Protein backbone atom coordinates (compact mmCIF):
# COMPACT_ATOMS: atom_id res chain seq x y z
CA UNK A 1 4.64 -21.69 40.40
CA UNK A 2 7.46 -21.14 38.41
CA UNK A 3 7.67 -24.40 37.41
CA UNK A 4 4.24 -24.26 35.89
CA UNK A 5 4.94 -20.90 34.23
CA UNK A 6 6.34 -22.90 30.61
CA UNK A 7 2.63 -24.89 30.39
CA UNK A 8 1.13 -21.74 31.22
CA UNK A 9 2.88 -19.98 28.51
CA UNK A 10 1.35 -22.62 25.74
CA UNK A 11 -1.72 -20.76 26.15
CA UNK A 12 -1.09 -17.42 25.93
CA UNK A 13 -0.90 -16.84 22.03
CA UNK A 14 -3.59 -16.79 19.69
CA UNK A 15 -1.80 -19.90 18.00
CA UNK A 16 -3.06 -22.69 20.44
CA UNK A 17 0.19 -24.35 22.17
CA UNK A 18 2.55 -22.64 19.63
CA UNK A 19 6.47 -24.07 18.51
CA UNK A 20 7.82 -21.44 20.39
CA UNK A 21 7.12 -22.07 23.39
CA UNK A 22 7.78 -26.03 23.06
CA UNK A 23 10.79 -25.70 25.13
CA UNK A 24 9.74 -23.67 28.28
CA UNK A 25 6.92 -26.20 28.27
CA UNK A 26 9.15 -29.58 28.23
CA UNK A 27 11.46 -27.74 30.83
CA UNK A 28 8.55 -26.73 32.65
CA UNK A 29 7.68 -30.99 32.28
CA UNK A 30 10.58 -31.84 33.52
CA UNK A 31 11.19 -29.84 36.54
CA UNK A 32 8.15 -30.49 37.77
CA UNK A 33 8.95 -34.63 37.38
CA UNK A 34 12.58 -34.01 39.31
CA UNK A 35 11.02 -31.80 41.79
CA UNK A 36 9.17 -34.64 43.05
CA UNK A 37 11.16 -37.48 42.75
CA UNK A 38 13.68 -35.17 45.36
CA UNK A 39 11.42 -34.51 47.43
CA UNK A 40 9.45 -37.76 47.87
CA UNK A 41 11.30 -38.45 51.16
CA UNK A 42 9.48 -35.29 52.47
CA UNK A 43 5.94 -35.80 50.85
CA UNK A 44 5.92 -39.54 52.17
CA UNK A 45 6.67 -38.64 55.58
CA UNK A 46 4.69 -40.19 58.17
CA UNK A 47 2.86 -42.45 55.95
CA UNK A 48 2.30 -45.98 56.37
CA UNK A 49 1.47 -49.51 54.90
CA UNK A 50 -0.80 -49.76 52.71
CA UNK A 51 -1.50 -45.99 52.14
CA UNK A 52 1.81 -45.25 52.12
CA UNK A 53 2.42 -48.16 49.31
CA UNK A 54 -0.28 -46.34 47.36
CA UNK A 55 0.79 -42.69 47.41
CA UNK A 56 4.85 -43.43 46.73
CA UNK A 57 2.83 -46.38 43.72
CA UNK A 58 1.25 -42.93 42.65
CA UNK A 59 4.67 -40.44 42.89
CA UNK A 60 6.31 -42.86 40.24
CA UNK A 61 3.29 -42.79 37.90
CA UNK A 62 3.07 -39.07 38.66
CA UNK A 63 6.59 -38.32 37.23
CA UNK A 64 7.23 -41.04 34.57
CA UNK A 65 3.72 -39.14 32.75
CA UNK A 66 5.19 -36.05 33.55
CA UNK A 67 8.21 -37.26 31.76
CA UNK A 68 6.76 -38.57 28.90
CA UNK A 69 4.67 -35.82 28.50
CA UNK A 70 7.91 -33.29 27.83
CA UNK A 71 8.73 -35.77 25.37
CA UNK A 72 5.92 -34.30 23.20
CA UNK A 73 7.06 -31.12 23.03
CA UNK A 74 10.07 -32.40 20.85
CA UNK A 75 9.87 -32.23 17.30
CA UNK A 76 8.34 -34.60 15.71
CA UNK A 77 6.43 -35.04 19.74
CA UNK A 78 3.32 -34.58 18.20
CA UNK A 79 1.88 -32.93 15.62
CA UNK A 80 -1.04 -29.09 15.99
CA UNK A 81 -2.99 -29.00 13.37
CA UNK A 82 -4.36 -26.02 11.96
CA UNK A 83 -7.26 -24.37 13.71
CA UNK A 84 -10.46 -24.44 12.09
CA UNK A 85 -11.49 -20.51 12.44
CA UNK A 86 -9.39 -19.99 9.87
């Protein structure tokens, strides 16, 4: 639950994805990736054969994508255009 807080906070403002929350969002994504890596053996427990291989491959893809997404919240990682409603 706490791992998602940094992502949830991105949407708690009138301004979408405010820069003041980028560090927390990046940390949340990094923590999610790290936790999945650390718990891989537990998540794979009891899985065998092709299903185990596919699950392990999927976990690798997810952790890589979370790490890549975390880089979006570095300075220059992405551009947030002005709100067109203003």
